[in-house]
Amino acid sequence: MNIKKIILTVVFILLISNLSFSESIGFMNTGIMGSYNPFNPSFWSVGPMFSFGVYSGKNADGGRIGMTFGQTTLTFEKENPFNSKNEMTEYWRRSSYMDWIFGYFHQINLNDNFALRFGADFYYSYAYAFATDYNNNMSFNIGLTGTIGLTLFPIGKFSVLLDVCPGFTLDPFKQGSETFALILPIRITLGVNEGNAITQQQSKSAQQKEELKQKEIELKLPAGQLMGTTWTYVNLDDKRSYDVRFLEGGVLVTLDDNMNNNSWVQNENSVTIKLNNGYATHEYQIINPNLMSGTASNVTGKQWKIELRKKYTQ
């Protein structure tokens, strides 16, 4: 069978299986993975990678299947037949490279932007460079690696997977115990997240953020509790101060200063006060139930720092 037909068939089956899985019980990530191993036999490759899994709380378990294409280079020593001293000479052999990767991973979501990944990958590779007298001219090779990595934007629309994969493969030019060669592939995957689990995680994260925001507002100064309270205004630049009282209907009364037509409005943790028909505007942020801090300005462009300190409640 034509090698191109085999490749297209495998990719199609993986894609359909992954889509079906994500629609039923979990999630999937469809992306492009690049691999690079600097150790002998060195290789680089690029190709499609499909990840799928299920969430349990903030953690996920799943698998990944991929197929990449690239180039491999093997270096080896061989006795130089043209040297009378039987010295060893280093040679190298290079060819195109293709591998199939099957892996498992456990992912721990730290937050919406970062997740830790642990797992293992088994790969089966093919390259003409692997064919030697030692292995009966077999062009196939196998390897097993661990996976230690970081996922960026694990529940976002797009994600980035950064994996360091220490492990071993077979060296076609060695025999016995030396057949096993240590490798350290670095794998980067750029992918698209899809599936019911991703949507649920996004909704849960948004809900948690909103709940935290509301709790923060309530801890500082719940809506409605500003009305009827009296505060001491302090100009932090010239130290001038006077008392103000927040009344119903957005009316503000200055108790110790001759200012009229004052108003106030609260928007979550922000309070805006306008004095003397808008001649001066005070913008506050609620720091805690007893303190607000901010800046003031008037129509002439002058600005100064201000505070409101809670005095008593009636």
C-alpha atoms as a PDB file:
ATOM      1  CA  MET A   1       0.000   0.000   0.000  1.00  0.00           C
ATOM      2  CA  ASN A   2       1.194   3.476  -0.784  1.00  0.00           C
ATOM      3  CA  ILE A   3       2.836   5.125   2.256  1.00  0.00           C
ATOM      4  CA  LYS A   4       0.895   8.371   1.641  1.00  0.00           C
ATOM      5  CA  LYS A   5      -2.417   6.489   1.828  1.00  0.00           C
ATOM      6  CA  ILE A   6      -1.376   4.886   5.119  1.00  0.00           C
ATOM      7  CA  ILE A   7      -0.481   8.260   6.622  1.00  0.00           C
ATOM      8  CA  LEU A   8      -3.721   9.905   5.508  1.00  0.00           C
ATOM      9  CA  THR A   9      -5.790   6.984   6.788  1.00  0.00           C
ATOM     10  CA  VAL A  10      -4.157   7.063  10.227  1.00  0.00           C
ATOM     11  CA  VAL A  11      -4.597  10.837  10.545  1.00  0.00           C
ATOM     12  CA  PHE A  12      -8.259  10.588   9.526  1.00  0.00           C
ATOM     13  CA  ILE A  13      -9.011   7.800  12.028  1.00  0.00           C
ATOM     14  CA  LEU A  14      -7.290   9.683  14.848  1.00  0.00           C
ATOM     15  CA  LEU A  15      -9.155  12.891  14.079  1.00  0.00           C
ATOM     16  CA  ILE A  16     -12.602  11.247  13.917  1.00  0.00           C
ATOM     17  CA  SER A  17     -11.971   9.254  17.122  1.00  0.00           C
ATOM     18  CA  ASN A  18     -10.795  12.346  18.938  1.00  0.00           C
ATOM     19  CA  LEU A  19     -13.811  14.425  17.851  1.00  0.00           C
ATOM     20  CA  SER A  20     -16.232  11.712  18.976  1.00  0.00           C
ATOM     21  CA  PHE A  21     -14.518  11.419  22.351  1.00  0.00           C
ATOM     22  CA  SER A  22     -14.545  15.162  23.053  1.00  0.00           C
ATOM     23  CA  GLU A  23     -18.247  15.440  22.244  1.00  0.00           C
ATOM     24  CA  SER A  24     -19.183  12.627  24.610  1.00  0.00           C
ATOM     25  CA  ILE A  25     -17.332  12.769  27.935  1.00  0.00           C
ATOM     26  CA  GLY A  26     -14.192  14.831  27.783  1.00  0.00           C
ATOM     27  CA  PHE A  27     -11.948  17.225  25.964  1.00  0.00           C
ATOM     28  CA  MET A  28      -9.462  17.166  23.156  1.00  0.00           C
ATOM     29  CA  ASN A  29      -6.554  19.203  21.930  1.00  0.00           C
ATOM     30  CA  THR A  30      -5.736  19.160  18.231  1.00  0.00           C
ATOM     31  CA  GLY A  31      -2.371  20.637  17.405  1.00  0.00           C
ATOM     32  CA  ILE A  32       0.998  20.593  15.725  1.00  0.00           C
ATOM     33  CA  MET A  33       3.945  19.196  17.672  1.00  0.00           C
ATOM     34  CA  GLY A  34       7.622  19.785  17.093  1.00  0.00           C
ATOM     35  CA  SER A  35      10.278  17.488  18.617  1.00  0.00           C
ATOM     36  CA  TYR A  36      14.017  17.846  18.946  1.00  0.00           C
ATOM     37  CA  ASN A  37      16.488  15.414  20.505  1.00  0.00           C
ATOM     38  CA  PRO A  38      20.113  16.618  20.709  1.00  0.00           C
ATOM     39  CA  PHE A  39      21.568  13.239  21.720  1.00  0.00           C
ATOM     40  CA  ASN A  40      22.618  10.358  19.490  1.00  0.00           C
ATOM     41  CA  PRO A  41      20.606   9.273  17.593  1.00  0.00           C
ATOM     42  CA  SER A  42      19.553  12.903  17.187  1.00  0.00           C
ATOM     43  CA  PHE A  43      16.372  13.851  15.387  1.00  0.00           C
ATOM     44  CA  TRP A  44      13.895  16.626  14.734  1.00  0.00           C
ATOM     45  CA  SER A  45      10.350  16.201  13.532  1.00  0.00           C
ATOM     46  CA  VAL A  46       7.027  17.997  13.116  1.00  0.00           C
ATOM     47  CA  GLY A  47       3.513  16.639  12.801  1.00  0.00           C
ATOM     48  CA  PRO A  48      -0.072  16.423  14.087  1.00  0.00           C
ATOM     49  CA  MET A  49      -0.721  15.560  17.734  1.00  0.00           C
ATOM     50  CA  PHE A  50      -4.111  14.693  19.197  1.00  0.00           C
ATOM     51  CA  SER A  51      -4.681  14.746  22.975  1.00  0.00           C
ATOM     52  CA  PHE A  52      -7.871  13.686  24.728  1.00  0.00           C
ATOM     53  CA  GLY A  53      -9.003  13.102  28.293  1.00  0.00           C
ATOM     54  CA  VAL A  54     -11.451  13.765  31.107  1.00  0.00           C
ATOM     55  CA  TYR A  55     -11.460  16.208  34.014  1.00  0.00           C
ATOM     56  CA  SER A  56     -11.921  15.375  37.684  1.00  0.00           C
ATOM     57  CA  GLY A  57     -12.146  18.695  39.499  1.00  0.00           C
ATOM     58  CA  LYS A  58      -9.217  20.806  38.319  1.00  0.00           C
ATOM     59  CA  ASN A  59      -7.114  17.796  37.259  1.00  0.00           C
ATOM     60  CA  ALA A  60      -7.246  15.864  34.015  1.00  0.00           C
ATOM     61  CA  ASP A  61      -6.131  12.427  32.841  1.00  0.00           C
ATOM     62  CA  GLY A  62      -5.769  11.547  29.212  1.00  0.00           C
ATOM     63  CA  GLY A  63      -3.780  10.216  26.342  1.00  0.00           C
ATOM     64  CA  ARG A  64      -2.197  11.521  23.195  1.00  0.00           C
ATOM     65  CA  ILE A  65      -1.523  10.078  19.765  1.00  0.00           C
ATOM     66  CA  GLY A  66       0.616  11.692  17.112  1.00  0.00           C
ATOM     67  CA  MET A  67       2.679  11.183  14.007  1.00  0.00           C
ATOM     68  CA  THR A  68       5.610  13.395  13.069  1.00  0.00           C
ATOM     69  CA  PHE A  69       8.027  13.678  10.147  1.00  0.00           C
ATOM     70  CA  GLY A  70      11.570  15.009  10.055  1.00  0.00           C
ATOM     71  CA  GLN A  71      15.210  13.961   9.918  1.00  0.00           C
ATOM     72  CA  THR A  72      17.504  11.819  12.041  1.00  0.00           C
ATOM     73  CA  THR A  73      21.288  11.698  12.273  1.00  0.00           C
ATOM     74  CA  LEU A  74      23.269   8.819  13.746  1.00  0.00           C
ATOM     75  CA  THR A  75      26.963   9.029  14.587  1.00  0.00           C
ATOM     76  CA  PHE A  76      29.040   5.914  15.129  1.00  0.00           C
ATOM     77  CA  GLU A  77      32.631   4.709  15.229  1.00  0.00           C
ATOM     78  CA  LYS A  78      34.007   2.134  12.843  1.00  0.00           C
ATOM     79  CA  GLU A  79      37.420   0.682  12.255  1.00  0.00           C
ATOM     80  CA  ASN A  80      39.231   2.510   9.457  1.00  0.00           C
ATOM     81  CA  PRO A  81      40.265  -0.129   6.881  1.00  0.00           C
ATOM     82  CA  PHE A  82      42.845   2.236   5.386  1.00  0.00           C
ATOM     83  CA  ASN A  83      44.732   2.671   8.660  1.00  0.00           C
ATOM     84  CA  SER A  84      47.305   0.021   9.626  1.00  0.00           C
ATOM     85  CA  LYS A  85      46.907   0.835  13.325  1.00  0.00           C
ATOM     86  CA  ASN A  86      43.236  -0.242  13.285  1.00  0.00           C
ATOM     87  CA  GLU A  87      42.140   3.142  14.566  1.00  0.00           C
ATOM     88  CA  MET A  88      38.432   3.918  14.953  1.00  0.00           C
ATOM     89  CA  THR A  89      36.959   6.672  12.796  1.00  0.00           C
ATOM     90  CA  GLU A  90      33.706   8.503  13.501  1.00  0.00           C
ATOM     91  CA  TYR A  91      31.080   8.380  10.790  1.00  0.00           C
ATOM     92  CA  TRP A  92      27.547   9.665  10.518  1.00  0.00           C
ATOM     93  CA  ARG A  93      24.434   8.587   8.685  1.00  0.00           C
ATOM     94  CA  ARG A  94      21.414  10.803   7.982  1.00  0.00           C
ATOM     95  CA  SER A  95      17.972  10.148   6.512  1.00  0.00           C
ATOM     96  CA  SER A  96      14.351  11.183   6.633  1.00  0.00           C
ATOM     97  CA  TYR A  97      12.505  10.191   9.804  1.00  0.00           C
ATOM     98  CA  MET A  98       8.936   9.338  10.800  1.00  0.00           C
ATOM     99  CA  ASP A  99       7.516   8.330  14.170  1.00  0.00           C
ATOM    100  CA  TRP A 100       4.258   7.373  15.847  1.00  0.00           C
ATOM    101  CA  ILE A 101       3.767   8.539  19.452  1.00  0.00           C
ATOM    102  CA  PHE A 102       1.368   7.022  21.999  1.00  0.00           C
ATOM    103  CA  GLY A 103       1.279   8.598  25.448  1.00  0.00           C
ATOM    104  CA  TYR A 104      -0.498   9.060  28.784  1.00  0.00           C
ATOM    105  CA  PHE A 105      -0.529  12.218  30.894  1.00  0.00           C
ATOM    106  CA  HIS A 106      -1.864  13.568  34.185  1.00  0.00           C
ATOM    107  CA  GLN A 107      -2.475  17.313  34.235  1.00  0.00           C
ATOM    108  CA  ILE A 108      -2.801  19.522  37.328  1.00  0.00           C
ATOM    109  CA  ASN A 109      -4.377  22.900  36.565  1.00  0.00           C
ATOM    110  CA  LEU A 110      -2.783  25.542  38.790  1.00  0.00           C
ATOM    111  CA  ASN A 111      -5.003  28.305  37.373  1.00  0.00           C
ATOM    112  CA  ASP A 112      -6.509  29.371  34.052  1.00  0.00           C
ATOM    113  CA  ASN A 113      -3.062  30.080  32.588  1.00  0.00           C
ATOM    114  CA  PHE A 114      -0.765  27.321  33.880  1.00  0.00           C
ATOM    115  CA  ALA A 115      -0.917  23.568  34.395  1.00  0.00           C
ATOM    116  CA  LEU A 116       1.689  20.922  35.241  1.00  0.00           C
ATOM    117  CA  ARG A 117       1.902  17.732  33.182  1.00  0.00           C
ATOM    118  CA  PHE A 118       3.390  14.327  34.019  1.00  0.00           C
ATOM    119  CA  GLY A 119       3.262  11.164  31.976  1.00  0.00           C
ATOM    120  CA  ALA A 120       5.030   8.874  29.526  1.00  0.00           C
ATOM    121  CA  ASP A 121       5.303   8.431  25.749  1.00  0.00           C
ATOM    122  CA  PHE A 122       6.058   5.331  23.733  1.00  0.00           C
ATOM    123  CA  TYR A 123       7.189   5.933  20.193  1.00  0.00           C
ATOM    124  CA  TYR A 124       7.828   3.769  17.164  1.00  0.00           C
ATOM    125  CA  SER A 125      10.012   5.313  14.464  1.00  0.00           C
ATOM    126  CA  TYR A 126      11.101   4.581  10.927  1.00  0.00           C
ATOM    127  CA  ALA A 127      14.223   5.814   9.114  1.00  0.00           C
ATOM    128  CA  TYR A 128      16.553   4.373   6.491  1.00  0.00           C
ATOM    129  CA  ALA A 129      19.471   5.409   8.677  1.00  0.00           C
ATOM    130  CA  PHE A 130      18.509   2.743  11.251  1.00  0.00           C
ATOM    131  CA  ALA A 131      19.311  -0.135   8.880  1.00  0.00           C
ATOM    132  CA  THR A 132      22.651  -1.713   9.890  1.00  0.00           C
ATOM    133  CA  ASP A 133      24.374  -5.073   9.868  1.00  0.00           C
ATOM    134  CA  TYR A 134      23.874  -5.272  13.658  1.00  0.00           C
ATOM    135  CA  ASN A 135      20.071  -5.238  13.443  1.00  0.00           C
ATOM    136  CA  ASN A 136      19.637  -7.240  10.248  1.00  0.00           C
ATOM    137  CA  ASN A 137      18.993  -4.082   8.244  1.00  0.00           C
ATOM    138  CA  MET A 138      15.801  -3.206  10.143  1.00  0.00           C
ATOM    139  CA  SER A 139      14.672   0.365   9.452  1.00  0.00           C
ATOM    140  CA  PHE A 140      12.453   0.592  12.552  1.00  0.00           C
ATOM    141  CA  ASN A 141      13.280   1.731  16.065  1.00  0.00           C
ATOM    142  CA  ILE A 142      11.454   2.124  19.387  1.00  0.00           C
ATOM    143  CA  GLY A 143      11.783   4.384  22.414  1.00  0.00           C
ATOM    144  CA  LEU A 144      10.184   5.142  25.782  1.00  0.00           C
ATOM    145  CA  THR A 145      10.269   8.531  27.473  1.00  0.00           C
ATOM    146  CA  GLY A 146       8.799  10.200  30.515  1.00  0.00           C
ATOM    147  CA  THR A 147       6.954  13.511  30.231  1.00  0.00           C
ATOM    148  CA  ILE A 148       7.488  16.504  32.491  1.00  0.00           C
ATOM    149  CA  GLY A 149       5.903  19.647  31.191  1.00  0.00           C
ATOM    150  CA  LEU A 150       3.949  22.841  31.455  1.00  0.00           C
ATOM    151  CA  THR A 151       0.670  23.690  29.744  1.00  0.00           C
ATOM    152  CA  LEU A 152      -0.037  27.333  29.003  1.00  0.00           C
ATOM    153  CA  PHE A 153      -3.739  28.327  28.881  1.00  0.00           C
ATOM    154  CA  PRO A 154      -5.065  24.812  29.660  1.00  0.00           C
ATOM    155  CA  ILE A 155      -8.742  25.833  29.431  1.00  0.00           C
ATOM    156  CA  GLY A 156      -8.377  28.575  26.843  1.00  0.00           C
ATOM    157  CA  LYS A 157      -9.305  28.329  23.197  1.00  0.00           C
ATOM    158  CA  PHE A 158      -5.641  27.822  22.306  1.00  0.00           C
ATOM    159  CA  SER A 159      -2.926  26.179  24.391  1.00  0.00           C
ATOM    160  CA  VAL A 160       0.824  25.616  24.338  1.00  0.00           C
ATOM    161  CA  LEU A 161       2.391  22.400  25.660  1.00  0.00           C
ATOM    162  CA  LEU A 162       6.069  22.464  26.668  1.00  0.00           C
ATOM    163  CA  ASP A 163       7.432  18.998  27.499  1.00  0.00           C
ATOM    164  CA  VAL A 164      10.855  17.657  28.436  1.00  0.00           C
ATOM    165  CA  CYS A 165      10.920  13.905  27.845  1.00  0.00           C
ATOM    166  CA  PRO A 166      13.882  11.986  29.347  1.00  0.00           C
ATOM    167  CA  GLY A 167      14.060   8.365  28.256  1.00  0.00           C
ATOM    168  CA  PHE A 168      15.824   5.838  26.081  1.00  0.00           C
ATOM    169  CA  THR A 169      15.845   4.442  22.584  1.00  0.00           C
ATOM    170  CA  LEU A 170      17.813   1.776  20.744  1.00  0.00           C
ATOM    171  CA  ASP A 171      21.105   2.579  19.052  1.00  0.00           C
ATOM    172  CA  PRO A 172      21.228   0.534  15.827  1.00  0.00           C
ATOM    173  CA  PHE A 173      25.040   0.678  15.789  1.00  0.00           C
ATOM    174  CA  LYS A 174      25.571  -0.899  19.227  1.00  0.00           C
ATOM    175  CA  GLN A 175      25.167  -4.392  20.641  1.00  0.00           C
ATOM    176  CA  GLY A 176      24.415  -5.886  24.030  1.00  0.00           C
ATOM    177  CA  SER A 177      23.860  -3.523  26.947  1.00  0.00           C
ATOM    178  CA  GLU A 178      25.153  -0.615  24.852  1.00  0.00           C
ATOM    179  CA  THR A 179      22.122  -0.925  22.566  1.00  0.00           C
ATOM    180  CA  PHE A 180      20.136   1.360  24.881  1.00  0.00           C
ATOM    181  CA  ALA A 181      20.844   5.047  24.295  1.00  0.00           C
ATOM    182  CA  LEU A 182      19.656   7.886  26.525  1.00  0.00           C
ATOM    183  CA  ILE A 183      17.648  10.611  24.815  1.00  0.00           C
ATOM    184  CA  LEU A 184      16.047  13.882  25.925  1.00  0.00           C
ATOM    185  CA  PRO A 185      13.483  15.051  23.369  1.00  0.00           C
ATOM    186  CA  ILE A 186      12.017  18.519  23.833  1.00  0.00           C
ATOM    187  CA  ARG A 187       8.472  18.667  22.513  1.00  0.00           C
ATOM    188  CA  ILE A 188       6.385  21.780  21.890  1.00  0.00           C
ATOM    189  CA  THR A 189       2.736  21.506  20.845  1.00  0.00           C
ATOM    190  CA  LEU A 190       0.535  24.359  19.662  1.00  0.00           C
ATOM    191  CA  GLY A 191      -3.088  23.280  19.809  1.00  0.00           C
ATOM    192  CA  VAL A 192      -6.781  24.129  19.915  1.00  0.00           C
ATOM    193  CA  ASN A 193      -8.844  23.039  22.938  1.00  0.00           C
ATOM    194  CA  GLU A 194     -12.320  21.665  22.367  1.00  0.00           C
ATOM    195  CA  GLY A 195     -14.929  19.540  24.107  1.00  0.00           C
ATOM    196  CA  ASN A 196     -17.573  19.631  26.818  1.00  0.00           C
ATOM    197  CA  ALA A 197     -15.045  19.449  29.645  1.00  0.00           C
ATOM    198  CA  ILE A 198     -13.242  22.583  28.430  1.00  0.00           C
ATOM    199  CA  THR A 199     -16.537  24.499  28.262  1.00  0.00           C
ATOM    200  CA  GLN A 200     -17.436  23.355  31.782  1.00  0.00           C
ATOM    201  CA  GLN A 201     -14.029  24.347  33.129  1.00  0.00           C
ATOM    202  CA  GLN A 202     -14.312  27.788  31.516  1.00  0.00           C
ATOM    203  CA  SER A 203     -17.792  28.323  33.006  1.00  0.00           C
ATOM    204  CA  LYS A 204     -16.638  27.164  36.427  1.00  0.00           C
ATOM    205  CA  SER A 205     -13.615  29.469  36.313  1.00  0.00           C
ATOM    206  CA  ALA A 206     -15.763  32.465  35.307  1.00  0.00           C
ATOM    207  CA  GLN A 207     -18.227  31.694  38.086  1.00  0.00           C
ATOM    208  CA  GLN A 208     -15.462  31.411  40.678  1.00  0.00           C
ATOM    209  CA  LYS A 209     -13.981  34.737  39.566  1.00  0.00           C
ATOM    210  CA  GLU A 210     -17.365  36.438  39.857  1.00  0.00           C
ATOM    211  CA  GLU A 211     -17.947  34.941  43.322  1.00  0.00           C
ATOM    212  CA  LEU A 212     -14.535  36.118  44.507  1.00  0.00           C
ATOM    213  CA  LYS A 213     -15.216  39.573  43.099  1.00  0.00           C
ATOM    214  CA  GLN A 214     -18.551  39.789  44.917  1.00  0.00           C
ATOM    215  CA  LYS A 215     -16.998  38.570  48.174  1.00  0.00           C
ATOM    216  CA  GLU A 216     -14.276  41.191  47.841  1.00  0.00           C
ATOM    217  CA  ILE A 217     -16.900  43.893  47.332  1.00  0.00           C
ATOM    218  CA  GLU A 218     -18.935  42.685  50.291  1.00  0.00           C
ATOM    219  CA  LEU A 219     -15.887  42.530  52.550  1.00  0.00           C
ATOM    220  CA  LYS A 220     -14.965  46.089  51.660  1.00  0.00           C
ATOM    221  CA  LEU A 221     -18.357  47.793  51.760  1.00  0.00           C
ATOM    222  CA  PRO A 222     -21.560  46.006  50.704  1.00  0.00           C
ATOM    223  CA  ALA A 223     -23.946  47.924  48.478  1.00  0.00           C
ATOM    224  CA  GLY A 224     -26.462  49.896  50.548  1.00  0.00           C
ATOM    225  CA  GLN A 225     -24.311  50.136  53.670  1.00  0.00           C
ATOM    226  CA  LEU A 226     -22.774  53.467  52.658  1.00  0.00           C
ATOM    227  CA  MET A 227     -26.125  55.254  52.977  1.00  0.00           C
ATOM    228  CA  GLY A 228     -26.588  56.982  56.332  1.00  0.00           C
ATOM    229  CA  THR A 229     -22.915  56.844  57.329  1.00  0.00           C
ATOM    230  CA  THR A 230     -20.666  59.748  58.245  1.00  0.00           C
ATOM    231  CA  TRP A 231     -17.043  60.038  57.169  1.00  0.00           C
ATOM    232  CA  THR A 232     -14.194  62.462  57.689  1.00  0.00           C
ATOM    233  CA  TYR A 233     -12.787  63.914  54.469  1.00  0.00           C
ATOM    234  CA  VAL A 234      -9.010  64.559  54.512  1.00  0.00           C
ATOM    235  CA  ASN A 235      -7.044  66.482  51.894  1.00  0.00           C
ATOM    236  CA  LEU A 236      -3.676  64.702  52.060  1.00  0.00           C
ATOM    237  CA  ASP A 237      -1.877  67.620  50.406  1.00  0.00           C
ATOM    238  CA  ASP A 238      -2.927  70.529  52.658  1.00  0.00           C
ATOM    239  CA  LYS A 239      -4.349  68.416  55.564  1.00  0.00           C
ATOM    240  CA  ARG A 240      -7.706  70.225  55.429  1.00  0.00           C
ATOM    241  CA  SER A 241     -10.581  68.059  56.711  1.00  0.00           C
ATOM    242  CA  TYR A 242     -14.335  68.093  57.297  1.00  0.00           C
ATOM    243  CA  ASP A 243     -17.161  65.593  57.795  1.00  0.00           C
ATOM    244  CA  VAL A 244     -19.576  64.364  55.134  1.00  0.00           C
ATOM    245  CA  ARG A 245     -22.736  62.276  55.369  1.00  0.00           C
ATOM    246  CA  PHE A 246     -24.111  59.969  52.660  1.00  0.00           C
ATOM    247  CA  LEU A 247     -27.891  60.289  52.387  1.00  0.00           C
ATOM    248  CA  GLU A 248     -30.596  58.512  50.416  1.00  0.00           C
ATOM    249  CA  GLY A 249     -31.042  59.366  46.762  1.00  0.00           C
ATOM    250  CA  GLY A 250     -27.365  60.085  46.130  1.00  0.00           C
ATOM    251  CA  VAL A 251     -27.356  63.242  48.259  1.00  0.00           C
ATOM    252  CA  LEU A 252     -24.156  64.193  50.105  1.00  0.00           C
ATOM    253  CA  VAL A 253     -24.137  66.684  52.968  1.00  0.00           C
ATOM    254  CA  THR A 254     -20.970  68.440  54.109  1.00  0.00           C
ATOM    255  CA  LEU A 255     -21.279  69.052  57.840  1.00  0.00           C
ATOM    256  CA  ASP A 256     -18.376  71.421  58.468  1.00  0.00           C
ATOM    257  CA  ASP A 257     -17.887  73.140  55.100  1.00  0.00           C
ATOM    258  CA  ASN A 258     -20.123  75.518  53.137  1.00  0.00           C
ATOM    259  CA  MET A 259     -20.743  73.452  49.994  1.00  0.00           C
ATOM    260  CA  ASN A 260     -24.130  72.810  48.399  1.00  0.00           C
ATOM    261  CA  ASN A 261     -25.623  70.627  45.660  1.00  0.00           C
ATOM    262  CA  ASN A 262     -23.361  67.653  46.339  1.00  0.00           C
ATOM    263  CA  SER A 263     -23.987  64.117  45.048  1.00  0.00           C
ATOM    264  CA  TRP A 264     -22.499  60.645  45.342  1.00  0.00           C
ATOM    265  CA  VAL A 265     -22.732  57.303  43.526  1.00  0.00           C
ATOM    266  CA  GLN A 266     -21.217  53.889  44.346  1.00  0.00           C
ATOM    267  CA  ASN A 267     -20.220  51.363  41.671  1.00  0.00           C
ATOM    268  CA  GLU A 268     -18.945  48.203  43.387  1.00  0.00           C
ATOM    269  CA  ASN A 269     -15.634  49.295  45.004  1.00  0.00           C
ATOM    270  CA  SER A 270     -15.646  52.773  43.456  1.00  0.00           C
ATOM    271  CA  VAL A 271     -17.329  55.872  44.913  1.00  0.00           C
ATOM    272  CA  THR A 272     -17.639  59.147  42.996  1.00  0.00           C
ATOM    273  CA  ILE A 273     -18.534  62.417  44.747  1.00  0.00           C
ATOM    274  CA  LYS A 274     -19.350  65.699  42.986  1.00  0.00           C
ATOM    275  CA  LEU A 275     -19.267  68.928  45.028  1.00  0.00           C
ATOM    276  CA  ASN A 276     -20.752  72.394  44.314  1.00  0.00           C
ATOM    277  CA  ASN A 277     -22.644  71.392  41.166  1.00  0.00           C
ATOM    278  CA  GLY A 278     -19.658  69.479  39.824  1.00  0.00           C
ATOM    279  CA  TYR A 279     -17.020  72.129  40.480  1.00  0.00           C
ATOM    280  CA  ALA A 280     -14.915  69.406  42.175  1.00  0.00           C
ATOM    281  CA  THR A 281     -14.973  65.661  41.592  1.00  0.00           C
ATOM    282  CA  HIS A 282     -13.657  63.082  44.073  1.00  0.00           C
ATOM    283  CA  GLU A 283     -12.879  59.557  42.863  1.00  0.00           C
ATOM    284  CA  TYR A 284     -12.436  56.960  45.647  1.00  0.00           C
ATOM    285  CA  GLN A 285     -11.538  53.295  45.835  1.00  0.00           C
ATOM    286  CA  ILE A 286     -12.871  51.443  48.896  1.00  0.00           C
ATOM    287  CA  ILE A 287      -9.844  50.009  50.729  1.00  0.00           C
ATOM    288  CA  ASN A 288     -11.797  48.456  53.617  1.00  0.00           C
ATOM    289  CA  PRO A 289     -15.101  49.174  55.447  1.00  0.00           C
ATOM    290  CA  ASN A 290     -13.454  52.107  57.262  1.00  0.00           C
ATOM    291  CA  LEU A 291     -11.266  53.711  54.616  1.00  0.00           C
ATOM    292  CA  MET A 292     -11.499  55.075  51.062  1.00  0.00           C
ATOM    293  CA  SER A 293      -8.604  56.535  49.115  1.00  0.00           C
ATOM    294  CA  GLY A 294      -8.324  58.362  45.808  1.00  0.00           C
ATOM    295  CA  THR A 295      -7.776  61.603  43.935  1.00  0.00           C
ATOM    296  CA  ALA A 296      -9.732  64.834  43.481  1.00  0.00           C
ATOM    297  CA  SER A 297      -9.787  67.429  40.728  1.00  0.00           C
ATOM    298  CA  ASN A 298     -11.692  70.605  39.918  1.00  0.00           C
ATOM    299  CA  VAL A 299     -12.694  72.459  36.786  1.00  0.00           C
ATOM    300  CA  THR A 300      -9.447  74.476  36.798  1.00  0.00           C
ATOM    301  CA  GLY A 301      -7.420  71.267  36.399  1.00  0.00           C
ATOM    302  CA  LYS A 302      -6.016  71.173  39.929  1.00  0.00           C
ATOM    303  CA  GLN A 303      -5.555  67.685  41.416  1.00  0.00           C
ATOM    304  CA  TRP A 304      -4.848  66.437  44.928  1.00  0.00           C
ATOM    305  CA  LYS A 305      -4.857  63.212  46.955  1.00  0.00           C
ATOM    306  CA  ILE A 306      -7.741  62.505  49.319  1.00  0.00           C
ATOM    307  CA  GLU A 307      -9.105  60.041  51.867  1.00  0.00           C
ATOM    308  CA  LEU A 308     -12.424  59.335  53.568  1.00  0.00           C
ATOM    309  CA  ARG A 309     -12.241  57.842  57.077  1.00  0.00           C
ATOM    310  CA  LYS A 310     -15.391  56.385  58.553  1.00  0.00           C
ATOM    311  CA  LYS A 311     -16.537  58.242  61.671  1.00  0.00           C
ATOM    312  CA  TYR A 312     -19.837  56.832  62.890  1.00  0.00           C
ATOM    313  CA  THR A 313     -23.154  55.483  61.646  1.00  0.00           C
ATOM    314  CA  GLN A 314     -26.677  56.720  62.388  1.00  0.00           C
END
